[in-house]
Protein backbone atom coordinates (compact mmCIF):
# COMPACT_ATOMS: atom_id res chain seq x y z
CA UNK A 1 -0.02 -0.05 -0.02
CA UNK A 2 2.92 2.36 0.73
CA UNK A 3 4.03 2.33 -2.91
CA UNK A 4 0.48 2.95 -4.22
CA UNK A 5 0.25 5.89 -1.87
CA UNK A 6 3.56 7.24 -3.31
CA UNK A 7 2.09 6.89 -6.75
CA UNK A 8 -1.12 8.76 -5.74
CA UNK A 9 1.00 11.67 -4.11
CA UNK A 10 3.24 12.02 -7.17
CA UNK A 11 0.32 11.97 -9.63
CA UNK A 12 -1.50 14.47 -7.43
CA UNK A 13 1.36 16.91 -7.64
CA UNK A 14 1.53 16.44 -11.46
CA UNK A 15 -2.22 16.72 -12.19
CA UNK A 16 -3.20 19.28 -9.54
CA UNK A 17 -0.04 21.50 -9.39
CA UNK A 18 1.13 20.90 -13.01
CA UNK A 19 4.47 19.78 -11.75
CA UNK A 20 6.88 18.14 -14.23
CA UNK A 21 6.80 14.39 -13.74
CA UNK A 22 10.55 14.11 -13.25
CA UNK A 23 10.48 16.78 -10.57
CA UNK A 24 7.49 15.27 -8.67
CA UNK A 25 9.15 11.93 -8.86
CA UNK A 26 12.39 13.24 -7.39
CA UNK A 27 10.56 14.95 -4.58
CA UNK A 28 8.30 11.97 -3.54
CA UNK A 29 10.33 8.86 -4.49
CA UNK A 30 11.97 8.66 -1.16
CA UNK A 31 8.77 7.51 0.49
CA UNK A 32 8.49 4.47 -1.81
CA UNK A 33 9.60 0.99 -1.03
CA UNK A 34 9.97 -0.11 -4.59
CA UNK A 35 11.19 2.91 -6.58
CA UNK A 36 11.21 1.04 -10.01
CA UNK A 37 7.55 -0.03 -9.48
CA UNK A 38 6.51 3.53 -8.44
CA UNK A 39 8.42 5.10 -11.47
CA UNK A 40 6.87 2.61 -13.94
CA UNK A 41 3.43 3.10 -12.42
CA UNK A 42 3.55 6.93 -12.65
CA UNK A 43 4.87 7.09 -16.13
CA UNK A 44 2.52 4.38 -17.27
CA UNK A 45 -0.58 6.31 -15.95
CA UNK A 46 0.69 9.45 -17.68
CA UNK A 47 1.41 7.63 -20.96
CA UNK A 48 -2.19 6.24 -20.99
CA UNK A 49 -3.89 9.45 -19.72
CA UNK A 50 -6.03 10.11 -22.80
CA UNK A 51 -7.15 6.47 -23.00
CA UNK A 52 -7.99 6.40 -19.29
CA UNK A 53 -9.84 9.65 -19.46
CA UNK A 54 -11.96 8.11 -22.31
CA UNK A 55 -12.76 5.01 -20.31
CA UNK A 56 -13.77 7.14 -17.25
CA UNK A 57 -15.99 9.40 -19.37
CA UNK A 58 -17.78 6.39 -20.84
CA UNK A 59 -18.40 4.94 -17.38
CA UNK A 60 -19.46 8.09 -15.39
CA UNK A 61 -22.18 10.53 -15.94
CA UNK A 62 -19.99 13.48 -15.08
CA UNK A 63 -16.34 14.09 -14.67
CA UNK A 64 -15.12 13.15 -11.09
CA UNK A 65 -13.17 15.53 -8.99
CA UNK A 66 -9.38 15.50 -9.37
CA UNK A 67 -8.63 13.21 -6.43
CA UNK A 68 -11.17 10.57 -7.40
CA UNK A 69 -10.08 10.91 -11.05
CA UNK A 70 -6.57 9.99 -10.13
CA UNK A 71 -7.67 7.00 -8.10
CA UNK A 72 -9.73 5.76 -11.06
CA UNK A 73 -6.85 6.16 -13.47
CA UNK A 74 -4.60 4.20 -11.16
CA UNK A 75 -7.09 1.36 -10.80
CA UNK A 76 -7.84 1.21 -14.49
CA UNK A 77 -4.11 1.23 -15.35
CA UNK A 78 -3.57 -1.69 -12.95
CA UNK A 79 -6.40 -3.57 -14.48
CA UNK A 80 -5.45 -3.04 -18.10
CA UNK A 81 -1.66 -2.91 -17.98
CA UNK A 82 -0.27 -4.67 -14.86
CA UNK A 83 -0.68 -8.31 -15.43
CA UNK A 84 1.08 -9.32 -12.19
CA UNK A 85 -1.87 -7.72 -10.25
CA UNK A 86 -5.09 -9.63 -10.31
CA UNK A 87 -8.12 -7.47 -11.23
CA UNK A 88 -9.91 -7.96 -7.87
CA UNK A 89 -6.80 -7.14 -5.95
CA UNK A 90 -6.20 -3.93 -7.99
CA UNK A 91 -9.74 -2.85 -7.31
CA UNK A 92 -9.61 -3.54 -3.47
CA UNK A 93 -6.25 -1.86 -3.26
CA UNK A 94 -7.49 1.40 -4.88
CA UNK A 95 -10.66 1.32 -2.79
CA UNK A 96 -8.53 1.12 0.38
CA UNK A 97 -6.27 3.83 -0.95
CA UNK A 98 -9.24 6.06 -1.52
CA UNK A 99 -10.12 5.73 2.29
CA UNK A 100 -6.47 6.47 3.22
CA UNK A 101 -6.19 9.71 1.21
CA UNK A 102 -9.51 11.00 2.70
CA UNK A 103 -11.90 9.89 0.10
CA UNK A 104 -13.92 7.35 2.04
CA UNK A 105 -17.15 8.90 0.89
CA UNK A 106 -16.16 8.14 -2.70
CA UNK A 107 -14.89 4.70 -2.06
CA UNK A 108 -18.14 3.00 -3.14
CA UNK A 109 -18.10 5.01 -6.37
CA UNK A 110 -14.70 4.07 -7.07
CA UNK A 111 -15.39 0.45 -6.42
CA UNK A 112 -18.42 0.49 -8.76
CA UNK A 113 -16.71 2.19 -11.68
CA UNK A 114 -13.68 -0.05 -11.48
CA UNK A 115 -15.75 -3.27 -11.25
CA UNK A 116 -17.70 -2.04 -14.30
CA UNK A 117 -14.42 -1.63 -16.10
CA UNK A 118 -13.28 -5.12 -15.18
CA UNK A 119 -16.48 -6.59 -16.65
CA UNK A 120 -16.21 -4.80 -20.05
CA UNK A 121 -14.10 -2.07 -21.57
CA UNK A 122 -16.10 0.78 -23.12
CA UNK A 123 -16.24 0.79 -27.00
CA UNK A 124 -13.83 2.96 -28.89
CA UNK A 125 -15.15 5.97 -30.87
CA UNK A 126 -16.57 5.12 -34.31
CA UNK A 127 -14.47 7.85 -35.97
CA UNK A 128 -11.09 6.43 -36.84
CA UNK A 129 -9.15 9.62 -35.87
CA UNK A 130 -10.95 9.78 -32.49
CA UNK A 131 -10.30 5.96 -31.99
CA UNK A 132 -6.61 6.48 -32.84
CA UNK A 133 -6.52 9.24 -30.19
CA UNK A 134 -7.74 6.70 -27.61
CA UNK A 135 -5.62 3.75 -28.56
CA UNK A 136 -2.48 5.94 -28.99
CA UNK A 137 -3.38 7.97 -25.92
CA UNK A 138 -2.68 11.27 -27.55
CA UNK A 139 -4.99 14.34 -27.37
CA UNK A 140 -7.53 14.44 -30.27
CA UNK A 141 -6.50 17.89 -31.40
CA UNK A 142 -2.87 16.78 -31.84
CA UNK A 143 -3.85 13.66 -33.71
CA UNK A 144 -6.03 15.80 -35.98
CA UNK A 145 -3.13 18.09 -36.67
CA UNK A 146 -0.90 15.20 -37.42
CA UNK A 147 -3.40 13.55 -39.72
CA UNK A 148 -3.78 16.81 -41.68
CA UNK A 149 -0.04 17.15 -42.02
CA UNK A 150 1.13 13.52 -42.55
CA UNK A 151 -2.04 11.48 -43.44
CA UNK A 152 -3.83 9.00 -41.33
CA UNK A 153 -1.63 5.89 -42.11
CA UNK A 154 1.71 7.60 -41.44
CA UNK A 155 0.30 9.19 -38.21
CA UNK A 156 -0.90 5.82 -36.92
CA UNK A 157 2.41 4.34 -37.65
CA UNK A 158 4.59 6.83 -35.77
CA UNK A 159 2.05 7.24 -32.85
CA UNK A 160 1.86 3.47 -32.21
CA UNK A 161 5.45 2.38 -32.59
CA UNK A 162 7.05 1.24 -29.34
CA UNK A 163 9.90 3.60 -28.33
CA UNK A 164 13.42 2.34 -28.14
CA UNK A 165 14.01 1.39 -24.48
CA UNK A 166 17.84 1.60 -24.57
CA UNK A 167 19.81 4.86 -23.93
CA UNK A 168 21.68 6.42 -26.88
CA UNK A 169 25.37 6.96 -26.14
CA UNK A 170 27.83 9.29 -28.00
CA UNK A 171 31.51 8.52 -27.66
CA UNK A 172 33.98 11.44 -27.85
CA UNK A 173 36.24 9.77 -30.38
CA UNK A 174 38.73 12.77 -30.16
CA UNK A 175 39.61 11.55 -26.64
CA UNK A 176 39.18 7.86 -26.92
CA UNK A 177 38.18 5.01 -29.30
CA UNK A 178 35.07 3.03 -29.87
CA UNK A 179 37.08 -0.01 -29.17
CA UNK A 180 38.13 1.21 -25.88
CA UNK A 181 34.53 2.12 -24.75
CA UNK A 182 33.22 -1.21 -25.97
CA UNK A 183 35.97 -3.06 -24.09
CA UNK A 184 34.97 -1.12 -20.93
CA UNK A 185 31.23 -1.92 -21.50
CA UNK A 186 32.21 -5.62 -22.04
CA UNK A 187 34.09 -5.53 -18.72
CA UNK A 188 30.98 -4.16 -17.00
CA UNK A 189 28.77 -6.76 -18.57
CA UNK A 190 26.74 -3.99 -20.11
CA UNK A 191 24.34 -4.71 -23.03
CA UNK A 192 25.00 -2.54 -25.99
CA UNK A 193 24.76 -2.37 -29.87
CA UNK A 194 26.08 0.04 -32.53
CA UNK A 195 23.94 2.82 -34.01
CA UNK A 196 23.70 1.97 -37.63
CA UNK A 197 23.18 5.73 -38.50
CA UNK A 198 26.11 7.16 -36.44
CA UNK A 199 29.50 5.56 -36.16
CA UNK A 200 30.47 7.36 -32.94
CA UNK A 201 27.34 6.27 -31.03
CA UNK A 202 25.95 3.13 -29.34
CA UNK A 203 22.54 1.93 -27.92
CA UNK A 204 23.18 0.95 -24.31
CA UNK A 205 21.00 -0.63 -21.65
CA UNK A 206 21.20 1.73 -18.77
CA UNK A 207 22.37 0.80 -15.28
CA UNK A 208 24.02 2.28 -12.26
CA UNK A 209 27.28 0.40 -13.23
CA UNK A 210 27.77 2.69 -16.16
CA UNK A 211 28.23 5.82 -14.01
CA UNK A 212 31.92 5.62 -13.72
CA UNK A 213 32.38 5.37 -17.42
CA UNK A 214 29.94 8.31 -17.95
CA UNK A 215 31.79 10.37 -15.22
CA UNK A 216 35.10 9.91 -17.09
CA UNK A 217 33.80 12.14 -19.77
CA UNK A 218 34.65 10.08 -22.76
CA UNK A 219 31.07 9.28 -23.47
CA UNK A 220 27.60 10.67 -22.73
CA UNK A 221 23.95 9.93 -23.15
CA UNK A 222 22.64 12.05 -26.20
CA UNK A 223 19.82 11.33 -28.37
CA UNK A 224 20.36 10.25 -31.91
CA UNK A 225 18.48 13.35 -33.28
CA UNK A 226 20.50 15.70 -31.12
CA UNK A 227 23.71 14.28 -32.60
CA UNK A 228 22.27 14.42 -36.09
CA UNK A 229 21.41 18.02 -35.54
CA UNK A 230 24.91 18.84 -34.53
CA UNK A 231 26.36 16.86 -37.52
CA UNK A 232 24.05 19.01 -39.77
CA UNK A 233 25.98 22.12 -38.67
CA UNK A 234 29.04 20.86 -40.68
CA UNK A 235 31.55 22.22 -38.05
CA UNK A 236 35.10 22.81 -39.52
CA UNK A 237 38.46 23.69 -37.83
CA UNK A 238 38.38 27.13 -36.12
CA UNK A 239 34.65 27.58 -36.13
CA UNK A 240 33.07 30.11 -33.88
CA UNK A 241 29.67 28.81 -32.69
CA UNK A 242 26.74 30.25 -30.78
CA UNK A 243 24.22 27.92 -29.22
CA UNK A 244 21.39 30.29 -28.26
CA UNK A 245 19.20 28.01 -26.10
CA UNK A 246 21.82 25.55 -24.86
CA UNK A 247 20.76 23.98 -21.63
CA UNK A 248 21.40 21.30 -20.58
CA UNK A 249 24.53 21.60 -22.85
CA UNK A 250 24.54 18.39 -24.91
CA UNK A 251 24.57 20.06 -28.32
CA UNK A 252 27.15 22.66 -27.18
CA UNK A 253 29.57 19.98 -26.02
CA UNK A 254 28.98 17.89 -29.19
CA UNK A 255 29.59 20.87 -31.47
CA UNK A 256 32.83 21.64 -29.56
CA UNK A 257 34.05 18.11 -30.31
CA UNK A 258 33.37 18.11 -34.11
CA UNK A 259 36.66 19.83 -35.19
CA UNK A 260 39.81 21.48 -33.92
CA UNK A 261 40.09 24.82 -32.25
CA UNK A 262 36.33 25.25 -32.11
CA UNK A 263 34.96 28.13 -29.95
CA UNK A 264 31.37 27.69 -28.49
CA UNK A 265 29.40 30.17 -26.64
CA UNK A 266 26.48 28.60 -24.84
CA UNK A 267 23.49 30.72 -23.72
CA UNK A 268 20.42 30.41 -21.63
CA UNK A 269 17.92 32.59 -19.93
CA UNK A 270 18.08 31.17 -16.39
CA UNK A 271 21.15 30.90 -14.04
CA UNK A 272 20.31 27.48 -12.91
CA UNK A 273 20.23 26.17 -16.44
CA UNK A 274 23.71 27.82 -17.08
CA UNK A 275 25.02 25.74 -14.18
CA UNK A 276 23.79 22.68 -15.94
CA UNK A 277 25.70 23.53 -19.10
CA UNK A 278 28.86 24.32 -17.22
CA UNK A 279 28.68 21.03 -15.27
CA UNK A 280 27.95 19.15 -18.53
CA UNK A 281 31.04 20.79 -20.13
CA UNK A 282 33.28 20.04 -17.19
CA UNK A 283 32.38 16.34 -17.19
CA UNK A 284 33.15 16.17 -20.89
CA UNK A 285 36.32 18.14 -20.61
CA UNK A 286 35.20 20.79 -22.87
CA UNK A 287 35.92 24.60 -22.60
CA UNK A 288 32.53 26.28 -23.24
CA UNK A 289 31.91 29.99 -22.84
CA UNK A 290 28.54 30.04 -20.87
CA UNK A 291 26.55 33.26 -20.79
CA UNK A 292 23.15 34.45 -19.54
CA UNK A 293 21.03 35.62 -22.36
CA UNK A 294 17.41 36.00 -23.44
CA UNK A 295 17.35 34.67 -26.99
CA UNK A 296 14.21 36.59 -27.87
CA UNK A 297 15.96 39.93 -27.16
CA UNK A 298 18.34 41.23 -29.83
CA UNK A 299 22.00 41.85 -28.63
CA UNK A 300 23.68 44.19 -31.06
CA UNK A 301 27.12 43.36 -29.69
CA UNK A 302 26.81 39.88 -31.07
CA UNK A 303 25.83 40.86 -34.55
CA UNK A 304 27.74 39.11 -37.39
CA UNK A 305 30.08 37.44 -34.87
CA UNK A 306 29.73 33.68 -35.51
CA UNK A 307 30.28 31.19 -38.27
CA UNK A 308 27.41 28.87 -37.08
CA UNK A 309 24.36 29.83 -34.88
CA UNK A 310 22.29 27.06 -33.48
CA UNK A 311 18.70 27.92 -32.70
CA UNK A 312 17.53 24.86 -30.81
CA UNK A 313 14.38 26.68 -29.75
CA UNK A 314 11.93 26.00 -26.90
CA UNK A 315 9.14 23.92 -28.37
CA UNK A 316 6.06 21.74 -27.42
CA UNK A 317 8.38 18.67 -27.02
CA UNK A 318 5.71 16.50 -28.84
CA UNK A 319 8.42 14.50 -30.70
CA UNK A 320 9.70 13.08 -27.42
CA UNK A 321 6.31 12.51 -25.77
CA UNK A 322 7.00 8.67 -25.81
CA UNK A 323 9.73 9.37 -23.26
CA UNK A 324 8.06 12.30 -21.51
CA UNK A 325 4.32 11.59 -21.56
CA UNK A 326 3.41 14.47 -19.34
CA UNK A 327 4.13 16.88 -22.22
CA UNK A 328 0.60 16.17 -23.46
CA UNK A 329 -1.17 17.03 -20.21
CA UNK A 330 -1.49 20.72 -20.36
CA UNK A 331 -0.79 21.61 -24.03
CA UNK A 332 -3.49 23.46 -25.84
CA UNK A 333 -3.63 24.73 -29.52
CA UNK A 334 -3.18 28.25 -28.29
CA UNK A 335 0.15 27.31 -26.72
CA UNK A 336 1.45 26.33 -30.03
CA UNK A 337 0.77 29.64 -31.54
CA UNK A 338 2.58 31.35 -28.65
CA UNK A 339 5.52 29.08 -29.07
CA UNK A 340 5.70 29.70 -32.83
CA UNK A 341 5.99 33.52 -32.16
CA UNK A 342 8.84 32.97 -29.69
CA UNK A 343 10.55 30.73 -32.04
CA UNK A 344 10.33 33.12 -34.91
CA UNK A 345 11.96 35.83 -32.62
CA UNK A 346 14.79 33.64 -31.71
CA UNK A 347 15.46 32.67 -35.37
CA UNK A 348 15.30 36.28 -36.41
CA UNK A 349 18.00 37.18 -33.75
CA UNK A 350 20.18 34.27 -34.47
CA UNK A 351 20.26 35.09 -38.13
CA UNK A 352 21.70 38.50 -37.31
CA UNK A 353 24.42 36.93 -35.10
CA UNK A 354 25.87 34.79 -37.90
CA UNK A 355 28.41 36.36 -40.22
CA UNK A 356 27.99 36.73 -44.03
CA UNK A 357 28.70 33.21 -45.38
CA UNK A 358 27.85 31.59 -42.05
CA UNK A 359 24.98 29.26 -41.34
CA UNK A 360 21.98 29.11 -39.01
CA UNK A 361 20.72 25.79 -37.72
CA UNK A 362 17.02 25.86 -36.62
CA UNK A 363 15.85 22.85 -34.66
CA UNK A 364 13.00 21.55 -32.56
CA UNK A 365 11.93 18.35 -30.93
CA UNK A 366 8.39 18.48 -32.26
CA UNK A 367 6.25 17.28 -35.20
CA UNK A 368 3.99 20.19 -35.87
CA UNK A 369 4.71 22.15 -39.02
CA UNK A 370 3.50 25.28 -37.15
CA UNK A 371 6.67 25.10 -35.05
CA UNK A 372 8.89 23.84 -37.81
CA UNK A 373 8.64 24.50 -41.54
CA UNK A 374 6.06 27.35 -41.04
CA UNK A 375 8.47 29.29 -38.87
CA UNK A 376 11.29 28.81 -41.43
CA UNK A 377 9.00 29.74 -44.31
CA UNK A 378 7.90 32.85 -42.53
CA UNK A 379 11.50 33.81 -41.86
CA UNK A 380 12.53 33.37 -45.55
CA UNK A 381 9.50 35.30 -46.53
CA UNK A 382 10.37 38.30 -44.29
CA UNK A 383 14.15 38.35 -44.78
CA UNK A 384 16.27 38.97 -47.74
CA UNK A 385 20.07 37.90 -47.83
CA UNK A 386 19.50 34.31 -46.63
CA UNK A 387 19.33 31.04 -48.67
CA UNK A 388 17.48 28.00 -47.46
CA UNK A 389 19.75 25.03 -47.79
CA UNK A 390 17.79 22.08 -46.70
CA UNK A 391 15.60 20.63 -43.84
CA UNK A 392 14.51 17.33 -42.45
CA UNK A 393 11.51 16.21 -40.40
CA UNK A 394 12.40 13.09 -38.42
CA UNK A 395 9.51 10.88 -37.21
CA UNK A 396 9.52 8.40 -34.30
CA UNK A 397 10.55 5.02 -35.69
CA UNK A 398 10.88 2.77 -32.67
CA UNK A 399 14.66 2.34 -33.47
CA UNK A 400 16.09 5.37 -31.70
CA UNK A 401 14.81 8.24 -33.80
CA UNK A 402 12.45 10.71 -32.00
CA UNK A 403 10.26 13.42 -33.58
CA UNK A 404 12.72 16.11 -34.50
CA UNK A 405 13.05 18.99 -37.16
CA UNK A 406 16.22 20.49 -38.43
CA UNK A 407 16.58 23.36 -41.06
CA UNK A 408 19.70 24.89 -42.37
CA UNK A 409 19.95 28.54 -43.69
CA UNK A 410 22.91 30.38 -45.04
CA UNK A 411 23.58 34.22 -44.73
CA UNK A 412 24.56 35.70 -48.01
CA UNK A 413 24.57 39.34 -47.24
C-alpha cells in the first residue's frame, strides 16, 4: 500500500499542481519501498492518460473531482496494464487507498466504476481519428493536426510504434576510441549495440554500473536526433559557434568536439540552467563560454560574430512524448501559436548573429509544422539575404529516432 500511496501523491502533484513528472518523482520517490515500481506506475498512467480519461468518461455521468479521477486512473491502469496484479486485488487496493487519502465517501463510487471496467471495456469511438486518439493515448487535437499534415496511415504508424528502451550514447572519439569504450562496456557486462546511423554512437541498456564510465567524460547519453542536428552544422576547424538555447548543454559539447580549435558560446535565460551547461562541459572536458542571455531579445554586440548559430528553440516537445508523456497533459492549441512566435523571434535574432557566409541551424523536438517548416518559411519570406539550404523532419521510428526537425540556412549578405 505504501507504494500505491507514493504513486497517488506523485500523480496528485502532477495533475493538480502541474509539476513536471521528473521533478514530482524526485521529490516523492524517497517514500517508496519499490522505486522502480513507482516510477513505472507513474509514467504508465501518464502515458495512457487520454485512454484512461476516455474510459472514465464512458463509465461516469460527469467528470469526477481530481482526487477521485486519479484513483480511477490508477485502478484502470492496474487492471489493463499490470498483469502481475489480479483485477480483484487492484480494485480492492485502490478502494482502500481512497479511504487512506481522505476519500472514504467516494470509495463506493470508485469500487463500482472499477468493477464495471473489469467486466467490459467501453467501446472505442466510431470515428477512426478519434479512435486512434484513444488507442495511442494522444490528445485528439494533436492527432487531427498530425493527420492533416502526414495523413492517417503515417500518423498511426509513428504514434503507435514502441519507443527504443535503450539509452543512446555518444562517444567522444577525439579523446578515446570506440574499441576502448566497447571493451569497458564488456568488462562491465553491459548490453550494447552500434547505432547503424552514427559511427560514434551506441545503444546501451542503462544501469548504475555505467556511472563511472560516464563520469570519465569520454562518453555521454545524447539522443540520436540531437547528434544528427549537430552533424548538420558541418563544423570545421576554427569555427566560432553560438548555441542560443543551450541547456542542458549536450549540443554545445557535441559541437565543440566536431573539429579542432572550435569556440562555442552557450547561452540560456536562467542561471540554474547555465549551471547545468557548465557542469556538462566540465564532465566532458570541454571549454565552453557560458553566458546568460534572453534569446528573444536582440543583442547588437553579437551581430555578425559567429560562423554557425544554433537555434534549438523552446518547443512543445511533442516529438519526445513517448519518453516524457506528461508533455501532453497541459498543451492547448493556443500554446502552439505562442511558441511559434517565440521561435520566430529567436530565429530572427540568431540570423543576425551569424556572419555573412555563415549558417544558421534551426531545430525543434516536435512534429507540428506550425513550429517547424512554417517558422522557417515565415523567416524566409520576411528576410532577404538568406538562402534556405535544406531541412529534415524526423519521425519516431521505434529504433532510436524521435520526432525532430532541423533546417539549415545560409547568410549571403
